[in-house]
Amino acid sequence: MRIEKIAILDEVVARVKDSDYCFIVNHGGVTVAQFAKLRKALKAVDSRLLVVKNSFLGKVAKEKGWSDDVNAMLQGNTAIVTGHGEPTAVAKAIMEFVKDSGGKASVKGADYDNKIVDAAMVEALSKVPGKDQLRATLLMLLKEPATRLARVLSEKAKKEGGDAAPAPETPAA
């Protein structure tokens, strides 16, 4: 193998090993503008897109110990999305890219949580709320009992105050 190819292979291996996840995407027929839009969306969620040769990704699969299921994904035009952080946001960006491509792009699968998952699982992951949204929901659930208690006590105080004699009117001067 030539030195240039070895350097590229080393970069792909390093990027996949250093990443929390690796989404595998088919990008055949996608325009440069669509790729640029995806790259911008991925940059916002601390991820990067890299077009790779299937043979290089096959070598990465052997090094990472991915199952033989990944071999079926190594057909056609392949790009990988790697990065750190929340994979649900990345999956959402990728699924938006697939939708915008008009059927030209597709998800092949992913290495997520040290497991190879198929395209259906990536789509399901894209529908899961993000960490911030889940935190906000949890906070609202924790806050709700206290809010209800305050409302009940407030209503009780209004009712008790309403049964008392009306305040005397002051004569007009």
N, C-alpha and C. Protein backbone atom coordinates (compact mmCIF):
# COMPACT_ATOMS: atom_id res chain seq x y z
N MET A 1 0.85 -1.17 0.00
CA MET A 1 0.00 0.00 0.00
C MET A 1 0.90 1.24 0.00
N ARG A 2 0.48 2.25 -0.78
CA ARG A 2 1.26 3.48 -0.84
C ARG A 2 1.16 4.26 0.46
N ILE A 3 2.14 5.13 0.67
CA ILE A 3 2.22 5.92 1.89
C ILE A 3 0.98 6.79 2.07
N GLU A 4 0.47 7.37 0.96
CA GLU A 4 -0.71 8.23 1.05
C GLU A 4 -1.93 7.44 1.53
N LYS A 5 -2.08 6.24 1.00
CA LYS A 5 -3.21 5.40 1.39
C LYS A 5 -3.10 4.96 2.85
N ILE A 6 -1.89 4.67 3.28
CA ILE A 6 -1.68 4.29 4.68
C ILE A 6 -2.05 5.45 5.61
N ALA A 7 -1.68 6.67 5.22
CA ALA A 7 -2.01 7.85 6.03
C ALA A 7 -3.52 8.04 6.11
N ILE A 8 -4.20 7.87 4.98
CA ILE A 8 -5.67 8.02 4.97
C ILE A 8 -6.32 6.94 5.82
N LEU A 9 -5.86 5.71 5.67
CA LEU A 9 -6.39 4.61 6.46
C LEU A 9 -6.17 4.86 7.96
N ASP A 10 -4.99 5.32 8.32
CA ASP A 10 -4.70 5.63 9.72
C ASP A 10 -5.64 6.71 10.26
N GLU A 11 -5.93 7.72 9.42
CA GLU A 11 -6.85 8.79 9.84
C GLU A 11 -8.25 8.24 10.06
N VAL A 12 -8.72 7.39 9.15
CA VAL A 12 -10.06 6.81 9.29
C VAL A 12 -10.12 5.94 10.55
N VAL A 13 -9.12 5.11 10.75
CA VAL A 13 -9.09 4.24 11.94
C VAL A 13 -9.07 5.09 13.21
N ALA A 14 -8.23 6.12 13.25
CA ALA A 14 -8.13 6.97 14.44
C ALA A 14 -9.45 7.68 14.70
N ARG A 15 -10.08 8.18 13.65
CA ARG A 15 -11.33 8.91 13.82
C ARG A 15 -12.43 8.00 14.36
N VAL A 16 -12.53 6.79 13.83
CA VAL A 16 -13.57 5.86 14.28
C VAL A 16 -13.29 5.39 15.71
N LYS A 17 -12.04 5.08 16.02
CA LYS A 17 -11.70 4.62 17.37
C LYS A 17 -11.92 5.71 18.42
N ASP A 18 -11.66 6.97 18.06
CA ASP A 18 -11.79 8.07 19.00
C ASP A 18 -13.23 8.53 19.17
N SER A 19 -14.11 8.09 18.31
CA SER A 19 -15.49 8.56 18.29
C SER A 19 -16.39 7.77 19.23
N ASP A 20 -17.47 8.42 19.69
CA ASP A 20 -18.47 7.75 20.51
C ASP A 20 -19.40 6.90 19.65
N TYR A 21 -19.49 7.20 18.37
CA TYR A 21 -20.39 6.51 17.45
C TYR A 21 -19.83 6.64 16.04
N CYS A 22 -20.34 5.82 15.14
CA CYS A 22 -19.95 5.89 13.73
C CYS A 22 -21.18 5.52 12.89
N PHE A 23 -21.78 6.52 12.27
CA PHE A 23 -22.92 6.29 11.39
C PHE A 23 -22.40 6.06 9.98
N ILE A 24 -22.95 5.08 9.28
CA ILE A 24 -22.53 4.75 7.93
C ILE A 24 -23.67 5.14 6.98
N VAL A 25 -23.32 6.00 6.00
CA VAL A 25 -24.33 6.59 5.13
C VAL A 25 -23.97 6.32 3.67
N ASN A 26 -24.99 6.06 2.85
CA ASN A 26 -24.84 5.97 1.41
C ASN A 26 -25.12 7.36 0.85
N HIS A 27 -24.20 7.90 0.07
CA HIS A 27 -24.35 9.28 -0.40
C HIS A 27 -24.41 9.40 -1.92
N GLY A 28 -24.66 8.34 -2.63
CA GLY A 28 -24.66 8.36 -4.09
C GLY A 28 -25.65 9.36 -4.66
N GLY A 29 -25.18 10.23 -5.57
CA GLY A 29 -26.04 11.18 -6.25
C GLY A 29 -26.39 12.43 -5.48
N VAL A 30 -25.78 12.66 -4.35
CA VAL A 30 -26.07 13.82 -3.53
C VAL A 30 -25.26 15.01 -4.04
N THR A 31 -25.87 16.19 -4.03
CA THR A 31 -25.18 17.39 -4.52
C THR A 31 -24.21 17.93 -3.47
N VAL A 32 -23.32 18.76 -3.93
CA VAL A 32 -22.35 19.39 -3.03
C VAL A 32 -23.06 20.28 -2.03
N ALA A 33 -24.11 20.97 -2.47
CA ALA A 33 -24.87 21.84 -1.56
C ALA A 33 -25.53 21.04 -0.44
N GLN A 34 -26.06 19.86 -0.78
CA GLN A 34 -26.67 19.02 0.25
C GLN A 34 -25.62 18.52 1.24
N PHE A 35 -24.43 18.15 0.73
CA PHE A 35 -23.34 17.74 1.61
C PHE A 35 -22.92 18.89 2.52
N ALA A 36 -22.85 20.09 1.97
CA ALA A 36 -22.44 21.25 2.76
C ALA A 36 -23.45 21.52 3.88
N LYS A 37 -24.72 21.37 3.57
CA LYS A 37 -25.77 21.57 4.58
C LYS A 37 -25.63 20.53 5.70
N LEU A 38 -25.36 19.27 5.31
CA LEU A 38 -25.18 18.21 6.31
C LEU A 38 -23.95 18.50 7.16
N ARG A 39 -22.85 18.87 6.53
CA ARG A 39 -21.62 19.16 7.29
C ARG A 39 -21.85 20.28 8.30
N LYS A 40 -22.60 21.30 7.90
CA LYS A 40 -22.90 22.42 8.81
C LYS A 40 -23.74 21.94 9.99
N ALA A 41 -24.75 21.11 9.72
CA ALA A 41 -25.59 20.58 10.79
C ALA A 41 -24.79 19.68 11.73
N LEU A 42 -23.87 18.90 11.17
CA LEU A 42 -23.06 18.01 12.00
C LEU A 42 -22.04 18.78 12.84
N LYS A 43 -21.51 19.85 12.29
CA LYS A 43 -20.55 20.65 13.04
C LYS A 43 -21.19 21.23 14.29
N ALA A 44 -22.47 21.58 14.19
CA ALA A 44 -23.19 22.14 15.33
C ALA A 44 -23.36 21.14 16.46
N VAL A 45 -23.27 19.84 16.15
CA VAL A 45 -23.43 18.81 17.18
C VAL A 45 -22.13 18.03 17.39
N ASP A 46 -20.99 18.67 17.10
CA ASP A 46 -19.65 18.11 17.36
C ASP A 46 -19.40 16.80 16.63
N SER A 47 -19.77 16.77 15.34
CA SER A 47 -19.56 15.58 14.52
C SER A 47 -18.98 15.99 13.18
N ARG A 48 -18.39 14.99 12.49
CA ARG A 48 -17.78 15.24 11.18
C ARG A 48 -18.15 14.14 10.21
N LEU A 49 -18.21 14.52 8.94
CA LEU A 49 -18.51 13.60 7.86
C LEU A 49 -17.24 13.33 7.08
N LEU A 50 -17.04 12.10 6.71
CA LEU A 50 -15.86 11.73 5.92
C LEU A 50 -16.27 10.68 4.90
N VAL A 51 -16.01 10.97 3.62
CA VAL A 51 -16.24 9.99 2.57
C VAL A 51 -15.08 9.00 2.60
N VAL A 52 -15.40 7.71 2.63
CA VAL A 52 -14.36 6.68 2.75
C VAL A 52 -14.55 5.60 1.70
N LYS A 53 -13.45 4.95 1.40
CA LYS A 53 -13.51 3.78 0.52
C LYS A 53 -14.03 2.60 1.35
N ASN A 54 -14.82 1.76 0.73
CA ASN A 54 -15.37 0.60 1.43
C ASN A 54 -14.27 -0.34 1.94
N SER A 55 -13.18 -0.45 1.17
CA SER A 55 -12.09 -1.32 1.61
C SER A 55 -11.44 -0.79 2.89
N PHE A 56 -11.33 0.54 3.00
CA PHE A 56 -10.77 1.14 4.22
C PHE A 56 -11.69 0.88 5.41
N LEU A 57 -12.99 1.06 5.18
CA LEU A 57 -13.94 0.85 6.27
C LEU A 57 -13.98 -0.63 6.66
N GLY A 58 -13.74 -1.52 5.70
CA GLY A 58 -13.66 -2.94 6.01
C GLY A 58 -12.49 -3.25 6.93
N LYS A 59 -11.37 -2.57 6.70
CA LYS A 59 -10.20 -2.76 7.58
C LYS A 59 -10.47 -2.19 8.97
N VAL A 60 -11.17 -1.06 9.02
CA VAL A 60 -11.56 -0.48 10.32
C VAL A 60 -12.47 -1.46 11.06
N ALA A 61 -13.40 -2.08 10.32
CA ALA A 61 -14.33 -3.03 10.93
C ALA A 61 -13.58 -4.20 11.56
N LYS A 62 -12.55 -4.67 10.89
CA LYS A 62 -11.75 -5.78 11.45
C LYS A 62 -11.02 -5.33 12.70
N GLU A 63 -10.44 -4.13 12.66
CA GLU A 63 -9.70 -3.62 13.83
C GLU A 63 -10.61 -3.39 15.03
N LYS A 64 -11.81 -2.88 14.76
CA LYS A 64 -12.75 -2.58 15.85
C LYS A 64 -13.49 -3.83 16.33
N GLY A 65 -13.41 -4.92 15.56
CA GLY A 65 -14.10 -6.14 15.96
C GLY A 65 -15.59 -6.09 15.66
N TRP A 66 -15.99 -5.31 14.66
CA TRP A 66 -17.40 -5.26 14.28
C TRP A 66 -17.80 -6.62 13.72
N SER A 67 -19.06 -6.94 13.87
CA SER A 67 -19.55 -8.23 13.38
C SER A 67 -19.56 -8.26 11.85
N ASP A 68 -19.80 -9.43 11.32
CA ASP A 68 -19.83 -9.60 9.88
C ASP A 68 -21.03 -8.89 9.25
N ASP A 69 -21.99 -8.44 10.06
CA ASP A 69 -23.15 -7.72 9.55
C ASP A 69 -22.75 -6.45 8.82
N VAL A 70 -21.61 -5.88 9.19
CA VAL A 70 -21.17 -4.63 8.59
C VAL A 70 -20.73 -4.82 7.14
N ASN A 71 -20.35 -6.03 6.76
CA ASN A 71 -19.91 -6.27 5.38
C ASN A 71 -21.00 -5.95 4.37
N ALA A 72 -22.26 -6.18 4.72
CA ALA A 72 -23.37 -5.86 3.83
C ALA A 72 -23.51 -4.35 3.64
N MET A 73 -23.03 -3.57 4.59
CA MET A 73 -23.12 -2.11 4.52
C MET A 73 -22.02 -1.51 3.64
N LEU A 74 -21.03 -2.31 3.30
CA LEU A 74 -19.88 -1.80 2.56
C LEU A 74 -20.06 -1.97 1.05
N GLN A 75 -21.18 -1.47 0.56
CA GLN A 75 -21.50 -1.49 -0.86
C GLN A 75 -21.85 -0.07 -1.29
N GLY A 76 -21.50 0.30 -2.49
CA GLY A 76 -21.88 1.61 -3.01
C GLY A 76 -21.04 2.73 -2.42
N ASN A 77 -21.54 3.96 -2.57
CA ASN A 77 -20.84 5.15 -2.07
C ASN A 77 -21.03 5.26 -0.56
N THR A 78 -19.94 5.35 0.17
CA THR A 78 -20.01 5.31 1.62
C THR A 78 -19.36 6.54 2.25
N ALA A 79 -20.03 7.07 3.26
CA ALA A 79 -19.48 8.14 4.09
C ALA A 79 -19.74 7.74 5.53
N ILE A 80 -18.88 8.20 6.42
CA ILE A 80 -19.09 7.94 7.84
C ILE A 80 -19.24 9.27 8.57
N VAL A 81 -20.01 9.23 9.63
CA VAL A 81 -20.19 10.38 10.51
C VAL A 81 -19.70 9.96 11.88
N THR A 82 -18.69 10.65 12.37
CA THR A 82 -18.12 10.34 13.67
C THR A 82 -18.13 11.58 14.54
N GLY A 83 -18.01 11.38 15.83
CA GLY A 83 -17.96 12.53 16.72
C GLY A 83 -18.19 12.13 18.16
N HIS A 84 -18.46 13.15 18.94
CA HIS A 84 -18.68 12.96 20.38
C HIS A 84 -19.99 13.62 20.77
N GLY A 85 -20.52 13.20 21.88
CA GLY A 85 -21.73 13.85 22.38
C GLY A 85 -22.97 13.01 22.15
N GLU A 86 -24.05 13.73 21.93
CA GLU A 86 -25.37 13.13 21.87
C GLU A 86 -25.66 12.53 20.49
N PRO A 87 -25.77 11.22 20.38
CA PRO A 87 -26.00 10.59 19.08
C PRO A 87 -27.40 10.85 18.52
N THR A 88 -28.37 11.18 19.38
CA THR A 88 -29.72 11.42 18.87
C THR A 88 -29.74 12.66 17.97
N ALA A 89 -29.00 13.69 18.35
CA ALA A 89 -28.95 14.90 17.53
C ALA A 89 -28.28 14.62 16.19
N VAL A 90 -27.27 13.78 16.19
CA VAL A 90 -26.58 13.40 14.96
C VAL A 90 -27.52 12.58 14.08
N ALA A 91 -28.22 11.64 14.67
CA ALA A 91 -29.16 10.81 13.91
C ALA A 91 -30.25 11.67 13.28
N LYS A 92 -30.71 12.69 14.02
CA LYS A 92 -31.73 13.61 13.47
C LYS A 92 -31.18 14.36 12.27
N ALA A 93 -29.95 14.85 12.37
CA ALA A 93 -29.34 15.57 11.25
C ALA A 93 -29.18 14.67 10.04
N ILE A 94 -28.76 13.44 10.27
CA ILE A 94 -28.59 12.50 9.16
C ILE A 94 -29.93 12.15 8.51
N MET A 95 -30.95 11.91 9.31
CA MET A 95 -32.26 11.58 8.75
C MET A 95 -32.85 12.77 7.99
N GLU A 96 -32.59 13.97 8.45
CA GLU A 96 -33.03 15.18 7.71
C GLU A 96 -32.30 15.25 6.37
N PHE A 97 -31.02 14.92 6.35
CA PHE A 97 -30.22 14.88 5.12
C PHE A 97 -30.79 13.85 4.15
N VAL A 98 -31.13 12.67 4.66
CA VAL A 98 -31.69 11.61 3.83
C VAL A 98 -33.01 12.07 3.22
N LYS A 99 -33.84 12.72 4.04
CA LYS A 99 -35.14 13.20 3.57
C LYS A 99 -34.96 14.28 2.49
N ASP A 100 -34.02 15.20 2.71
CA ASP A 100 -33.78 16.29 1.76
C ASP A 100 -33.13 15.82 0.46
N SER A 101 -32.51 14.66 0.48
CA SER A 101 -31.81 14.18 -0.72
C SER A 101 -32.76 13.62 -1.77
N GLY A 102 -34.01 13.48 -1.43
CA GLY A 102 -34.97 12.96 -2.39
C GLY A 102 -34.78 11.49 -2.71
N GLY A 103 -34.32 10.73 -1.76
CA GLY A 103 -34.14 9.29 -1.95
C GLY A 103 -32.78 8.89 -2.48
N LYS A 104 -31.91 9.87 -2.72
CA LYS A 104 -30.57 9.55 -3.22
C LYS A 104 -29.67 9.02 -2.12
N ALA A 105 -29.78 9.58 -0.95
CA ALA A 105 -28.96 9.16 0.19
C ALA A 105 -29.77 8.20 1.07
N SER A 106 -29.07 7.39 1.81
CA SER A 106 -29.73 6.49 2.75
C SER A 106 -28.76 6.15 3.88
N VAL A 107 -29.33 5.67 4.95
CA VAL A 107 -28.53 5.24 6.09
C VAL A 107 -28.29 3.75 5.94
N LYS A 108 -27.05 3.34 6.08
CA LYS A 108 -26.72 1.92 6.00
C LYS A 108 -26.76 1.27 7.37
N GLY A 109 -26.33 2.01 8.39
CA GLY A 109 -26.29 1.48 9.74
C GLY A 109 -25.38 2.32 10.60
N ALA A 110 -25.01 1.79 11.75
CA ALA A 110 -24.15 2.55 12.66
C ALA A 110 -23.48 1.63 13.66
N ASP A 111 -22.38 2.12 14.20
CA ASP A 111 -21.74 1.52 15.36
C ASP A 111 -22.11 2.44 16.50
N TYR A 112 -23.04 2.00 17.33
CA TYR A 112 -23.53 2.81 18.43
C TYR A 112 -23.50 1.98 19.69
N ASP A 113 -22.86 2.50 20.71
CA ASP A 113 -22.77 1.81 21.99
C ASP A 113 -22.10 0.44 21.81
N ASN A 114 -21.06 0.40 20.96
CA ASN A 114 -20.29 -0.81 20.65
C ASN A 114 -21.14 -1.95 20.08
N LYS A 115 -22.21 -1.58 19.37
CA LYS A 115 -23.05 -2.56 18.70
C LYS A 115 -23.32 -2.05 17.29
N ILE A 116 -23.36 -2.95 16.33
CA ILE A 116 -23.73 -2.59 14.97
C ILE A 116 -25.26 -2.61 14.90
N VAL A 117 -25.84 -1.49 14.49
CA VAL A 117 -27.30 -1.38 14.37
C VAL A 117 -27.65 -1.09 12.91
N ASP A 118 -28.86 -1.44 12.53
CA ASP A 118 -29.29 -1.25 11.16
C ASP A 118 -29.93 0.14 10.96
N ALA A 119 -30.35 0.41 9.73
CA ALA A 119 -30.92 1.71 9.39
C ALA A 119 -32.20 2.00 10.17
N ALA A 120 -33.01 0.98 10.42
CA ALA A 120 -34.25 1.18 11.18
C ALA A 120 -33.96 1.65 12.60
N MET A 121 -32.91 1.12 13.20
CA MET A 121 -32.54 1.54 14.55
C MET A 121 -32.03 2.98 14.55
N VAL A 122 -31.31 3.38 13.51
CA VAL A 122 -30.84 4.76 13.41
C VAL A 122 -32.03 5.70 13.28
N GLU A 123 -33.02 5.29 12.48
CA GLU A 123 -34.23 6.12 12.33
C GLU A 123 -34.97 6.23 13.67
N ALA A 124 -35.07 5.12 14.40
CA ALA A 124 -35.71 5.15 15.72
C ALA A 124 -34.94 6.05 16.68
N LEU A 125 -33.61 6.00 16.61
CA LEU A 125 -32.78 6.85 17.46
C LEU A 125 -33.01 8.32 17.16
N SER A 126 -33.29 8.64 15.89
CA SER A 126 -33.51 10.03 15.51
C SER A 126 -34.82 10.58 16.07
N LYS A 127 -35.72 9.70 16.46
CA LYS A 127 -37.01 10.13 16.99
C LYS A 127 -37.02 10.27 18.51
N VAL A 128 -35.95 9.84 19.15
CA VAL A 128 -35.83 9.94 20.61
C VAL A 128 -35.52 11.39 20.96
N PRO A 129 -36.17 11.94 21.98
CA PRO A 129 -35.85 13.31 22.38
C PRO A 129 -34.41 13.42 22.86
N GLY A 130 -33.83 14.59 22.68
CA GLY A 130 -32.47 14.84 23.11
C GLY A 130 -32.36 14.95 24.63
N LYS A 131 -31.14 14.98 25.13
CA LYS A 131 -30.90 15.05 26.57
C LYS A 131 -31.52 16.31 27.18
N ASP A 132 -31.37 17.44 26.52
CA ASP A 132 -31.92 18.69 27.06
C ASP A 132 -33.44 18.63 27.15
N GLN A 133 -34.08 18.07 26.14
CA GLN A 133 -35.53 17.94 26.16
C GLN A 133 -35.98 16.98 27.26
N LEU A 134 -35.25 15.89 27.44
CA LEU A 134 -35.59 14.94 28.51
C LEU A 134 -35.39 15.57 29.89
N ARG A 135 -34.34 16.36 30.04
CA ARG A 135 -34.11 17.05 31.32
C ARG A 135 -35.24 18.03 31.62
N ALA A 136 -35.68 18.77 30.61
CA ALA A 136 -36.77 19.73 30.80
C ALA A 136 -38.05 19.01 31.19
N THR A 137 -38.33 17.88 30.56
CA THR A 137 -39.52 17.10 30.89
C THR A 137 -39.44 16.58 32.33
N LEU A 138 -38.28 16.07 32.71
CA LEU A 138 -38.10 15.57 34.07
C LEU A 138 -38.26 16.69 35.09
N LEU A 139 -37.71 17.84 34.80
CA LEU A 139 -37.83 18.98 35.71
C LEU A 139 -39.28 19.39 35.88
N MET A 140 -40.04 19.40 34.79
CA MET A 140 -41.46 19.74 34.88
C MET A 140 -42.22 18.71 35.70
N LEU A 141 -41.87 17.44 35.55
CA LEU A 141 -42.53 16.39 36.32
C LEU A 141 -42.22 16.52 37.81
N LEU A 142 -40.99 16.89 38.12
CA LEU A 142 -40.61 17.06 39.53
C LEU A 142 -41.25 18.30 40.13
N LYS A 143 -41.45 19.31 39.33
CA LYS A 143 -42.00 20.59 39.80
C LYS A 143 -43.52 20.54 39.95
N GLU A 144 -44.19 19.68 39.21
CA GLU A 144 -45.65 19.63 39.16
C GLU A 144 -46.32 19.41 40.53
N PRO A 145 -45.88 18.46 41.38
CA PRO A 145 -46.55 18.29 42.68
C PRO A 145 -46.49 19.55 43.55
N ALA A 146 -45.38 20.23 43.55
CA ALA A 146 -45.27 21.45 44.36
C ALA A 146 -46.19 22.54 43.81
N THR A 147 -46.30 22.63 42.51
CA THR A 147 -47.18 23.62 41.89
C THR A 147 -48.64 23.34 42.25
N ARG A 148 -49.02 22.07 42.19
CA ARG A 148 -50.40 21.70 42.53
C ARG A 148 -50.71 21.99 44.00
N LEU A 149 -49.75 21.69 44.88
CA LEU A 149 -49.95 21.96 46.31
C LEU A 149 -50.12 23.46 46.54
N ALA A 150 -49.31 24.27 45.91
CA ALA A 150 -49.43 25.72 46.07
C ALA A 150 -50.78 26.21 45.56
N ARG A 151 -51.26 25.64 44.47
CA ARG A 151 -52.55 26.03 43.91
C ARG A 151 -53.69 25.67 44.87
N VAL A 152 -53.64 24.47 45.46
CA VAL A 152 -54.67 24.02 46.39
C VAL A 152 -54.68 24.92 47.63
N LEU A 153 -53.51 25.21 48.18
CA LEU A 153 -53.44 26.08 49.36
C LEU A 153 -53.92 27.48 49.04
N SER A 154 -53.62 27.97 47.88
CA SER A 154 -54.06 29.30 47.46
C SER A 154 -55.59 29.35 47.34
N GLU A 155 -56.18 28.32 46.76
CA GLU A 155 -57.63 28.25 46.62
C GLU A 155 -58.29 28.18 47.99
N LYS A 156 -57.71 27.40 48.90
CA LYS A 156 -58.27 27.26 50.25
C LYS A 156 -58.23 28.60 50.97
N ALA A 157 -57.14 29.34 50.82
CA ALA A 157 -57.02 30.65 51.45
C ALA A 157 -58.03 31.63 50.87
N LYS A 158 -58.29 31.56 49.60
CA LYS A 158 -59.29 32.44 48.97
C LYS A 158 -60.68 32.14 49.49
N LYS A 159 -61.00 30.84 49.64
CA LYS A 159 -62.32 30.44 50.13
C LYS A 159 -62.51 30.87 51.58
N GLU A 160 -61.51 30.69 52.41
CA GLU A 160 -61.62 31.08 53.81
C GLU A 160 -61.74 32.59 53.93
N GLY A 161 -61.04 33.31 53.11
CA GLY A 161 -61.11 34.77 53.12
C GLY A 161 -62.44 35.26 52.57
N GLY A 162 -63.08 34.53 51.68
CA GLY A 162 -64.35 34.91 51.07
C GLY A 162 -65.51 34.74 52.02
N ASP A 163 -65.44 33.85 53.03
CA ASP A 163 -66.54 33.61 53.96
C ASP A 163 -66.58 34.66 55.07
N ALA A 164 -65.52 35.39 55.26
CA ALA A 164 -65.46 36.39 56.33
C ALA A 164 -66.34 37.56 55.95
N ALA A 165 -66.68 38.38 56.96
CA ALA A 165 -67.52 39.56 56.76
C ALA A 165 -66.83 40.53 55.82
N PRO A 166 -67.60 41.21 54.98
CA PRO A 166 -66.98 42.15 54.05
C PRO A 166 -66.33 43.29 54.80
N ALA A 167 -65.28 43.80 54.23
CA ALA A 167 -64.58 44.91 54.86
C ALA A 167 -65.47 46.14 54.86
N PRO A 168 -65.42 46.93 55.94
CA PRO A 168 -66.29 48.13 56.01
C PRO A 168 -65.85 49.14 54.93
N GLU A 169 -66.87 49.80 54.40
CA GLU A 169 -66.58 50.81 53.41
C GLU A 169 -66.24 52.11 54.10
N THR A 170 -65.36 52.82 53.53
CA THR A 170 -65.01 54.12 54.11
C THR A 170 -65.91 55.19 53.51
N PRO A 171 -66.43 56.08 54.37
CA PRO A 171 -67.34 57.11 53.86
C PRO A 171 -66.59 58.08 52.95
N ALA A 172 -67.28 58.55 51.96
CA ALA A 172 -66.68 59.48 51.01
C ALA A 172 -66.57 60.84 51.68
N ALA A 173 -65.53 61.51 51.51
CA ALA A 173 -65.34 62.81 52.17
C ALA A 173 -65.73 63.94 51.30
